[in-house]
Amino acid sequence: MTRFIRNSLSTSASFIRIGIVAIAIVGYFAAAPQSASATTFTVNSTLDLPDLNPGDGICNAGVALCTLRAAIT
């Protein structure tokens, strides 16, 4: 009976270690930073206007305007 308890405890400890390692590996890849796109925008306005549609990859703060704020967003 004592041998059975020792074996089950060491087996469960092994599963816990494997689980912790698996969680660490998944967490590492989930938290790895994504590379930013290297898009170049020509800022042609000194106004402080936001982008009309942030995240679409187009700098558009109005009629043919690209402000610094719009280029960043």
Protein backbone atom coordinates (compact mmCIF):
# COMPACT_ATOMS: atom_id res chain seq x y z
CA MET A 1 0.00 0.00 0.00
CA THR A 2 2.83 2.41 0.85
CA ARG A 3 4.50 1.72 -2.50
CA PHE A 4 1.26 2.54 -4.34
CA ILE A 5 0.96 5.89 -2.55
CA ARG A 6 4.59 6.80 -3.30
CA ASN A 7 4.20 5.91 -6.98
CA SER A 8 0.98 7.87 -7.36
CA LEU A 9 2.53 10.92 -5.66
CA SER A 10 5.59 10.87 -7.91
CA THR A 11 3.39 10.38 -10.99
CA SER A 12 1.15 13.31 -10.09
CA ALA A 13 4.21 15.48 -9.39
CA SER A 14 5.54 14.62 -12.85
CA PHE A 15 2.24 15.63 -14.45
CA ILE A 16 2.29 18.90 -12.54
CA ARG A 17 5.85 19.64 -13.72
CA ILE A 18 4.93 18.84 -17.32
CA GLY A 19 1.85 21.06 -17.04
CA ILE A 20 3.86 23.97 -15.69
CA VAL A 21 6.43 23.65 -18.48
CA ALA A 22 3.67 23.47 -21.10
CA ILE A 23 1.97 26.57 -19.70
CA ALA A 24 5.30 28.42 -19.67
CA ILE A 25 5.98 27.54 -23.31
CA VAL A 26 2.51 28.60 -24.44
CA GLY A 27 2.78 31.81 -22.40
CA TYR A 28 6.13 32.64 -23.95
CA PHE A 29 4.82 32.38 -27.50
CA ALA A 30 1.60 34.21 -26.65
CA ALA A 31 3.50 37.10 -25.06
CA ALA A 32 6.16 37.40 -27.79
CA PRO A 33 5.88 40.83 -29.41
CA GLN A 34 4.51 40.97 -32.91
CA SER A 35 6.58 42.78 -35.52
CA ALA A 36 5.28 46.14 -36.63
CA SER A 37 4.79 46.90 -40.28
CA ALA A 38 7.28 49.27 -41.82
CA THR A 39 4.94 51.59 -43.67
CA THR A 40 6.18 55.05 -44.65
CA PHE A 41 3.77 58.00 -44.54
CA THR A 42 4.43 61.53 -45.77
CA VAL A 43 3.08 63.99 -43.24
CA ASN A 44 1.73 67.01 -45.13
CA SER A 45 -0.19 68.89 -42.46
CA THR A 46 0.75 70.55 -39.19
CA LEU A 47 -2.78 70.24 -37.82
CA ASP A 48 -3.43 67.92 -34.88
CA LEU A 49 -6.10 65.71 -36.43
CA PRO A 50 -6.65 61.98 -35.80
CA ASP A 51 -6.88 59.33 -38.50
CA LEU A 52 -10.41 58.83 -39.84
CA ASN A 53 -10.06 55.03 -39.83
CA PRO A 54 -7.23 53.94 -37.48
CA GLY A 55 -5.49 50.67 -38.27
CA ASP A 56 -6.40 50.47 -41.96
CA GLY A 57 -2.84 51.23 -43.11
CA ILE A 58 -3.82 54.53 -44.76
CA CYS A 59 -2.94 57.92 -43.31
CA ASN A 60 -6.10 59.96 -43.85
CA ALA A 61 -7.02 62.79 -41.50
CA GLY A 62 -9.34 64.49 -43.94
CA VAL A 63 -9.22 65.60 -47.54
CA ALA A 64 -5.72 64.51 -48.66
CA LEU A 65 -4.28 65.31 -45.24
CA CYS A 66 -1.80 63.18 -43.34
CA THR A 67 -1.02 64.55 -39.90
CA LEU A 68 1.57 63.20 -37.49
CA ARG A 69 -1.17 61.91 -35.19
CA ALA A 70 -2.88 60.11 -38.10
CA ALA A 71 0.41 58.57 -39.25
CA ILE A 72 1.11 57.18 -35.77
CA THR A 73 -2.37 55.73 -35.34
